[in-house]
N, C-alpha and C. Protein backbone atom coordinates (compact mmCIF):
# COMPACT_ATOMS: atom_id res chain seq x y z
N MET A 1 119.74 90.64 111.11
CA MET A 1 118.82 90.94 110.66
C MET A 1 117.23 91.19 110.42
N PRO A 2 116.52 91.30 111.27
CA PRO A 2 115.89 90.86 110.36
C PRO A 2 114.34 91.75 109.43
N CYS A 3 114.09 92.31 108.83
CA CYS A 3 113.06 93.18 108.52
C CYS A 3 111.80 93.15 108.66
N PRO A 4 112.25 94.73 109.28
CA PRO A 4 110.68 95.50 110.41
C PRO A 4 109.25 95.11 109.55
N GLN A 5 108.57 94.53 109.27
CA GLN A 5 107.01 94.49 109.51
C GLN A 5 106.90 95.70 109.29
N GLY A 6 106.33 95.77 107.56
CA GLY A 6 105.67 96.54 106.22
C GLY A 6 106.98 97.47 105.62
N CYS A 7 108.41 96.87 106.34
CA CYS A 7 109.34 97.02 105.20
C CYS A 7 109.32 97.19 104.03
N PRO A 8 109.85 97.72 103.36
CA PRO A 8 110.03 97.01 101.83
C PRO A 8 111.86 96.39 102.16
N GLU A 9 111.86 95.70 100.77
CA GLU A 9 113.13 94.64 100.93
C GLU A 9 113.78 95.61 100.66
N SER A 10 113.85 96.81 99.85
CA SER A 10 114.87 98.11 99.59
C SER A 10 115.27 98.93 100.58
N LEU A 11 114.42 99.09 101.21
CA LEU A 11 114.86 99.59 102.68
C LEU A 11 115.67 98.96 103.73
N HIS A 12 115.02 97.14 103.34
CA HIS A 12 115.90 96.90 104.70
C HIS A 12 117.20 96.82 104.32
N GLU A 13 116.89 96.40 102.74
CA GLU A 13 118.24 96.40 102.26
C GLU A 13 119.94 97.56 102.61
N LEU A 14 119.10 98.89 102.54
CA LEU A 14 120.02 99.92 102.52
C LEU A 14 120.60 100.04 104.31
N MET A 15 119.53 99.29 104.59
CA MET A 15 119.24 99.02 106.43
C MET A 15 120.86 98.96 106.79
N LYS A 16 120.49 97.35 106.02
CA LYS A 16 122.09 95.85 106.67
C LYS A 16 123.01 96.54 105.62
N LEU A 17 123.44 98.39 104.68
CA LEU A 17 124.31 98.31 104.33
C LEU A 17 125.03 99.32 105.70
N CYS A 18 123.90 99.72 106.50
CA CYS A 18 124.23 100.80 107.36
C CYS A 18 124.76 100.71 108.15
N TRP A 19 124.25 99.08 108.60
CA TRP A 19 125.27 98.78 110.22
C TRP A 19 126.50 97.55 110.00
N LYS A 20 127.11 97.98 108.54
CA LYS A 20 127.98 97.15 107.63
C LYS A 20 129.49 97.22 108.97
N LYS A 21 130.02 96.30 109.58
CA LYS A 21 131.14 95.90 110.75
C LYS A 21 131.84 96.66 110.42
N ASP A 22 132.52 96.56 109.01
CA ASP A 22 133.89 97.63 108.67
C ASP A 22 132.74 99.08 107.98
N PRO A 23 133.33 99.68 108.61
CA PRO A 23 132.58 101.10 108.49
C PRO A 23 133.07 101.78 107.11
N ASP A 24 134.01 101.19 106.41
CA ASP A 24 134.31 101.58 104.69
C ASP A 24 133.35 100.90 104.33
N GLU A 25 133.02 100.25 104.35
CA GLU A 25 131.61 99.88 103.78
C GLU A 25 130.30 99.76 104.42
N ARG A 26 130.48 100.97 104.64
CA ARG A 26 129.59 101.35 104.74
C ARG A 26 128.94 102.10 103.87
N PRO A 27 127.22 103.12 103.64
CA PRO A 27 126.77 103.86 102.56
C PRO A 27 127.41 105.51 102.97
N THR A 28 127.98 106.85 102.24
CA THR A 28 127.99 107.64 102.60
C THR A 28 126.56 108.33 103.12
N PHE A 29 126.42 109.16 103.54
CA PHE A 29 125.58 110.12 103.96
C PHE A 29 125.08 110.01 101.99
N GLU A 30 125.73 111.10 101.38
CA GLU A 30 125.32 111.53 99.52
C GLU A 30 124.84 110.21 98.84
N TYR A 31 125.06 109.15 99.80
CA TYR A 31 124.17 107.38 99.20
C TYR A 31 123.05 107.01 99.05
N ILE A 32 122.72 107.58 100.61
CA ILE A 32 121.93 107.24 101.43
C ILE A 32 121.03 108.80 101.17
N GLN A 33 121.86 109.68 101.05
CA GLN A 33 120.47 110.65 100.26
C GLN A 33 119.50 110.71 99.04
N SER A 34 120.54 110.75 98.10
CA SER A 34 120.35 109.81 97.30
C SER A 34 119.32 108.57 96.91
N PHE A 35 119.78 107.80 97.76
CA PHE A 35 119.31 106.62 96.93
C PHE A 35 117.67 106.95 97.98
N LEU A 36 117.46 107.49 99.20
CA LEU A 36 116.06 108.11 99.59
C LEU A 36 115.38 108.46 98.78
N GLU A 37 115.82 109.59 98.24
CA GLU A 37 115.18 110.49 96.78
C GLU A 37 115.03 109.67 95.61
N ASP A 38 115.32 109.16 95.61
CA ASP A 38 115.14 107.94 94.76
C ASP A 38 113.92 106.94 94.17
N TYR A 39 114.01 106.65 95.81
CA TYR A 39 112.73 105.50 95.50
C TYR A 39 111.95 106.00 96.71
N PHE A 40 110.93 107.13 97.26
CA PHE A 40 110.60 108.03 97.63
C PHE A 40 109.90 108.52 96.10
N THR A 41 111.12 108.81 95.05
CA THR A 41 110.23 109.69 93.80
C THR A 41 109.70 108.85 93.27
N ALA A 42 110.25 107.53 92.88
CA ALA A 42 109.90 106.19 92.03
C ALA A 42 108.58 105.69 92.67
N THR A 43 108.02 105.96 93.97
CA THR A 43 107.44 105.08 94.48
C THR A 43 106.03 105.72 94.96
N GLU A 44 106.30 107.19 94.69
CA GLU A 44 105.28 108.24 95.29
C GLU A 44 103.85 107.85 94.26
N PRO A 45 102.84 107.87 95.20
CA PRO A 45 102.07 108.61 94.04
C PRO A 45 101.97 108.98 92.56
N GLN A 46 101.19 108.82 91.89
CA GLN A 46 101.37 110.05 90.20
C GLN A 46 99.70 110.14 89.85
N TYR A 47 100.18 111.66 89.97
CA TYR A 47 98.54 112.84 90.60
C TYR A 47 97.37 112.34 89.26
N GLN A 48 96.38 112.01 89.79
CA GLN A 48 95.86 111.63 89.04
C GLN A 48 94.59 112.87 88.29
N PRO A 49 94.41 113.47 88.16
CA PRO A 49 93.53 114.76 88.50
C PRO A 49 91.98 113.84 87.87
N GLY A 50 91.13 114.50 88.30
CA GLY A 50 90.27 114.56 88.68
C GLY A 50 88.57 115.09 87.68
N ASP A 51 87.97 114.54 87.98
CA ASP A 51 87.04 114.75 86.52
C ASP A 51 85.39 115.79 86.53
N ASN A 52 85.81 116.22 88.28
CA ASN A 52 84.82 117.36 88.41
C ASN A 52 84.91 119.05 87.72
N LEU A 53 86.41 118.68 86.90
CA LEU A 53 86.93 119.98 86.95
C LEU A 53 85.45 120.59 85.79
């Protein structure tokens, strides 16, 4: 399956894991939740305080 336009490669890899033919090779919901929490924490913009204080 090709990577959708604008989709980060790490999320594409997770998608491909979810489509494994053998269900035992697919990630658990707990793994997916942990992966996504870590991903969004790592990629969220850092807070930058304004100069107008």
